[in-house]
Amino acid sequence: MVKPLSRDGIAWRAAQDLEDGMVVNLGIGMPVLASGYAPPGREVVYQSENGIIGVGPEASENEADPDLVDAGSRRVTLAPGGVIVDSAAAFAMIRGGHIDVTLLGGFEVAANGDLANWDMQVPLKGQLVGGAMDLAFGAGEVRVIMQHCTKDGAPRLLNACRLPLTAPACVTRVYTDLAVVDVTPKGFVVRELLAGLTEADLRAKTEAPLIFAADCGVLAAPV
């Protein structure tokens, strides 16, 4: 049986595509895990919308500071050179176009890049769109980290989103537990596929049509 990537595995894979010198916002949910997986030899500045520029890995029990938390309420560390700012300054970075990439969680992504990452039917956590709307419009690039299917097995990569949109046509790449998929003018293009999974398997778990790149690689992450 093929074992999908874990949440940390998906976050690790997304982090490996971040380039040296990038300022990267980490959205609530799986994306915050990427702060622990900066690519070796590259300096990536992780930003949290609640006011941290230079988020480090999650804090251990001994180093945890209750006053240093990220947007997902995790107790985190501060990377060397990192600073604390107020929320207004954090959003000025976002709205002013100073974020190179935002890694956002998602419920649904459509073949044209539409993103739905909030749901009015989910109590408390999902009923407000929050800062994701600003990030989807203000960041230089929007990449989404999410499970390929819902807990009920329904696809999340769709012909058209069914949930309220966070933003239209904003997503460029999606990282799931089964594949790495680009959003292109021709639709979804699969760049990497989990080892042991066939093209037919992935098509069966995806509503929208898929194009498999000629150089489609193997999706893998460290244990």
Protein backbone atom coordinates (compact mmCIF):
# COMPACT_ATOMS: atom_id res chain seq x y z
CA MET A 1 0.00 0.00 0.00
CA VAL A 2 1.33 3.45 -0.94
CA LYS A 3 1.93 5.67 2.08
CA PRO A 4 1.17 9.35 1.43
CA LEU A 5 3.53 12.03 2.70
CA SER A 6 2.98 13.20 6.26
CA ARG A 7 2.09 16.81 7.05
CA ASP A 8 5.75 17.47 7.81
CA GLY A 9 6.75 15.72 4.60
CA ILE A 10 4.56 18.01 2.52
CA ALA A 11 5.91 21.09 4.32
CA TRP A 12 9.49 19.88 3.82
CA ARG A 13 8.91 19.39 0.09
CA ALA A 14 7.42 22.86 -0.30
CA ALA A 15 10.37 24.40 1.53
CA GLN A 16 12.88 22.86 -0.87
CA ASP A 17 11.64 25.05 -3.73
CA LEU A 18 12.27 28.31 -1.85
CA GLU A 19 15.19 30.29 -3.22
CA ASP A 20 18.01 32.04 -1.42
CA GLY A 21 17.02 35.48 -0.15
CA MET A 22 13.27 34.98 -0.42
CA VAL A 23 10.85 36.47 2.09
CA VAL A 24 8.17 33.82 2.59
CA ASN A 25 4.93 34.11 4.51
CA LEU A 26 3.68 30.97 6.24
CA GLY A 27 -0.09 30.56 6.46
CA ILE A 28 -1.97 28.87 9.28
CA GLY A 29 -2.08 25.07 9.23
CA MET A 30 0.47 22.89 7.50
CA PRO A 31 2.42 25.81 6.02
CA VAL A 32 3.77 26.90 9.43
CA LEU A 33 5.66 23.60 9.61
CA ALA A 34 7.93 24.81 6.80
CA SER A 35 9.77 27.07 9.27
CA GLY A 36 11.65 23.99 10.43
CA TYR A 37 12.81 23.04 6.94
CA ALA A 38 14.82 25.90 5.47
CA PRO A 39 16.70 24.54 2.44
CA PRO A 40 20.38 23.82 3.24
CA GLY A 41 22.72 26.57 2.10
CA ARG A 42 19.91 29.03 1.43
CA GLU A 43 18.76 31.91 3.58
CA VAL A 44 14.98 32.08 3.59
CA VAL A 45 13.28 34.70 5.75
CA TYR A 46 10.00 33.30 7.06
CA GLN A 47 7.35 35.88 7.92
CA SER A 48 4.31 35.43 10.15
CA GLU A 49 1.36 37.76 9.70
CA ASN A 50 1.05 38.34 13.46
CA GLY A 51 4.38 40.19 13.46
CA ILE A 52 7.49 38.01 13.15
CA ILE A 53 10.04 38.57 10.42
CA GLY A 54 12.47 35.69 10.72
CA VAL A 55 10.48 32.78 12.14
CA GLY A 56 12.71 29.93 13.23
CA PRO A 57 11.82 26.29 13.89
CA GLU A 58 9.21 25.37 16.48
CA ALA A 59 10.59 25.83 20.00
CA SER A 60 11.47 22.88 22.18
CA GLU A 61 9.84 22.58 25.58
CA ASN A 62 12.94 24.07 27.24
CA GLU A 63 13.23 27.10 24.96
CA ALA A 64 9.54 27.89 24.48
CA ASP A 65 8.59 31.51 25.13
CA PRO A 66 4.82 32.06 25.65
CA ASP A 67 5.19 35.54 24.15
CA LEU A 68 6.77 34.26 20.90
CA VAL A 69 4.12 32.50 18.84
CA ASP A 70 3.42 32.33 15.11
CA ALA A 71 0.13 32.84 13.28
CA GLY A 72 -0.80 29.25 14.08
CA SER A 73 -0.24 29.81 17.83
CA ARG A 74 2.83 27.57 17.86
CA ARG A 75 5.64 28.58 20.20
CA VAL A 76 8.51 29.22 17.85
CA THR A 77 12.10 30.44 17.86
CA LEU A 78 13.49 33.59 16.29
CA ALA A 79 15.98 33.07 13.47
CA PRO A 80 19.30 34.98 13.67
CA GLY A 81 18.55 38.59 12.71
CA GLY A 82 14.83 38.07 13.17
CA VAL A 83 12.66 40.89 14.50
CA ILE A 84 9.26 41.40 16.10
CA VAL A 85 6.94 44.01 14.61
CA ASP A 86 3.31 44.93 15.13
CA SER A 87 0.53 43.45 13.02
CA ALA A 88 0.14 46.69 11.06
CA ALA A 89 3.75 46.50 9.90
CA ALA A 90 3.39 42.81 9.07
CA PHE A 91 0.40 43.52 6.86
CA ALA A 92 2.11 46.55 5.33
CA MET A 93 4.74 44.08 4.08
CA ILE A 94 2.01 41.86 2.65
CA ARG A 95 -0.10 44.59 1.06
CA GLY A 96 2.95 46.49 -0.13
CA GLY A 97 4.23 43.61 -2.25
CA HIS A 98 7.25 42.76 -0.07
CA ILE A 99 6.44 39.02 0.25
CA ASP A 100 8.02 36.88 -2.48
CA VAL A 101 5.99 33.74 -1.80
CA THR A 102 3.17 32.83 0.52
CA LEU A 103 2.59 29.20 1.46
CA LEU A 104 -1.11 28.86 2.23
CA GLY A 105 -3.28 25.99 3.31
CA GLY A 106 -6.27 25.20 1.13
CA PHE A 107 -9.58 23.37 1.05
CA GLU A 108 -9.96 23.54 -2.74
CA VAL A 109 -7.95 24.70 -5.75
CA ALA A 110 -9.51 25.00 -9.20
CA ALA A 111 -7.77 24.26 -12.49
CA ASN A 112 -7.54 27.99 -13.24
CA GLY A 113 -5.82 28.70 -9.90
CA ASP A 114 -8.86 29.83 -7.89
CA LEU A 115 -8.30 29.26 -4.16
CA ALA A 116 -10.82 28.42 -1.44
CA ASN A 117 -9.20 28.12 1.97
CA TRP A 118 -12.06 29.09 4.28
CA ASP A 119 -15.48 27.62 4.92
CA MET A 120 -18.38 29.32 6.68
CA GLN A 121 -19.68 25.89 7.72
CA VAL A 122 -16.56 25.12 9.80
CA PRO A 123 -17.08 26.50 13.34
CA LEU A 124 -14.57 29.08 14.57
CA LYS A 125 -11.47 28.08 12.62
CA GLY A 126 -12.86 28.35 9.11
CA GLN A 127 -15.60 30.92 9.29
CA LEU A 128 -13.42 33.98 8.55
CA VAL A 129 -11.23 34.46 5.50
CA GLY A 130 -8.71 36.44 7.57
CA GLY A 131 -5.33 37.50 6.23
CA ALA A 132 -5.28 34.90 3.47
CA MET A 133 -7.20 37.26 1.20
CA ASP A 134 -4.49 39.92 1.58
CA LEU A 135 -1.77 37.34 1.02
CA ALA A 136 -3.40 35.89 -2.07
CA PHE A 137 -3.41 39.34 -3.69
CA GLY A 138 -0.28 40.89 -2.16
CA ALA A 139 2.32 38.13 -2.36
CA GLY A 140 4.44 37.71 -5.46
CA GLU A 141 3.44 34.05 -5.71
CA VAL A 142 0.87 31.83 -4.00
CA ARG A 143 1.75 28.19 -3.38
CA VAL A 144 -0.70 25.90 -1.58
CA ILE A 145 0.00 23.05 0.83
CA MET A 146 -2.88 20.63 1.42
CA GLN A 147 -4.04 17.02 1.45
CA HIS A 148 -4.92 15.77 -2.03
CA CYS A 149 -8.34 14.56 -0.86
CA THR A 150 -10.71 15.24 2.01
CA LYS A 151 -11.10 12.83 4.92
CA ASP A 152 -14.07 11.38 3.02
CA GLY A 153 -11.94 10.81 -0.07
CA ALA A 154 -13.40 13.66 -2.12
CA PRO A 155 -10.96 15.47 -4.45
CA ARG A 156 -9.65 18.93 -3.62
CA LEU A 157 -8.21 19.71 -7.08
CA LEU A 158 -11.38 20.67 -8.92
CA ASN A 159 -12.72 22.01 -12.18
CA ALA A 160 -14.25 24.86 -10.17
CA CYS A 161 -14.25 25.59 -6.44
CA ARG A 162 -17.48 24.90 -4.58
CA LEU A 163 -16.56 26.79 -1.42
CA PRO A 164 -16.38 30.61 -1.20
CA LEU A 165 -13.26 31.90 -2.92
CA THR A 166 -10.37 33.40 -1.04
CA ALA A 167 -9.07 34.82 -4.32
CA PRO A 168 -9.44 34.04 -8.03
CA ALA A 169 -6.69 32.68 -10.28
CA CYS A 170 -3.91 33.21 -7.74
CA VAL A 171 -2.32 29.78 -7.16
CA THR A 172 0.80 28.79 -9.10
CA ARG A 173 1.73 25.48 -7.45
CA VAL A 174 0.11 22.92 -5.15
CA TYR A 175 1.95 20.52 -2.83
CA THR A 176 -0.09 17.55 -1.64
CA ASP A 177 0.60 14.26 0.08
CA LEU A 178 0.50 12.59 -3.35
CA ALA A 179 1.94 15.01 -5.90
CA VAL A 180 3.44 18.37 -6.81
CA VAL A 181 1.14 20.09 -9.29
CA ASP A 182 1.59 23.34 -11.20
CA VAL A 183 -1.31 25.56 -12.26
CA THR A 184 -0.78 26.55 -15.90
CA PRO A 185 -2.88 28.12 -18.68
CA LYS A 186 -3.52 24.55 -19.86
CA GLY A 187 -4.65 23.38 -16.43
CA PHE A 188 -3.00 21.19 -13.79
CA VAL A 189 0.46 19.86 -14.72
CA VAL A 190 1.90 17.14 -12.47
CA ARG A 191 5.61 17.71 -11.79
CA GLU A 192 6.15 14.98 -9.20
CA LEU A 193 4.19 11.86 -8.30
CA LEU A 194 4.46 9.79 -5.13
CA ALA A 195 6.46 6.60 -5.62
CA GLY A 196 4.20 3.58 -6.14
CA LEU A 197 1.29 5.70 -7.34
CA THR A 198 0.25 5.45 -10.99
CA GLU A 199 -1.08 8.21 -13.23
CA ALA A 200 -4.44 6.44 -13.19
CA ASP A 201 -4.41 6.43 -9.37
CA LEU A 202 -3.89 10.18 -9.24
CA ARG A 203 -6.51 10.87 -11.89
CA ALA A 204 -9.01 8.88 -9.82
CA LYS A 205 -8.34 11.17 -6.85
CA THR A 206 -8.57 14.41 -8.86
CA GLU A 207 -11.68 15.94 -10.38
CA ALA A 208 -9.96 18.24 -12.88
CA PRO A 209 -8.01 16.86 -15.85
CA LEU A 210 -4.30 16.29 -15.27
CA ILE A 211 -1.36 16.71 -17.63
CA PHE A 212 1.75 14.76 -16.62
CA ALA A 213 5.00 16.55 -17.41
CA ALA A 214 7.38 14.69 -19.70
CA ASP A 215 10.04 14.93 -16.97
CA CYS A 216 7.64 14.15 -14.10
CA GLY A 217 9.76 13.17 -11.10
CA VAL A 218 9.25 11.13 -7.96
CA LEU A 219 7.79 12.86 -4.92
CA ALA A 220 9.70 11.93 -1.77
CA ALA A 221 10.62 13.43 1.60
CA PRO A 222 12.93 12.34 4.43
CA VAL A 223 11.39 10.05 7.00
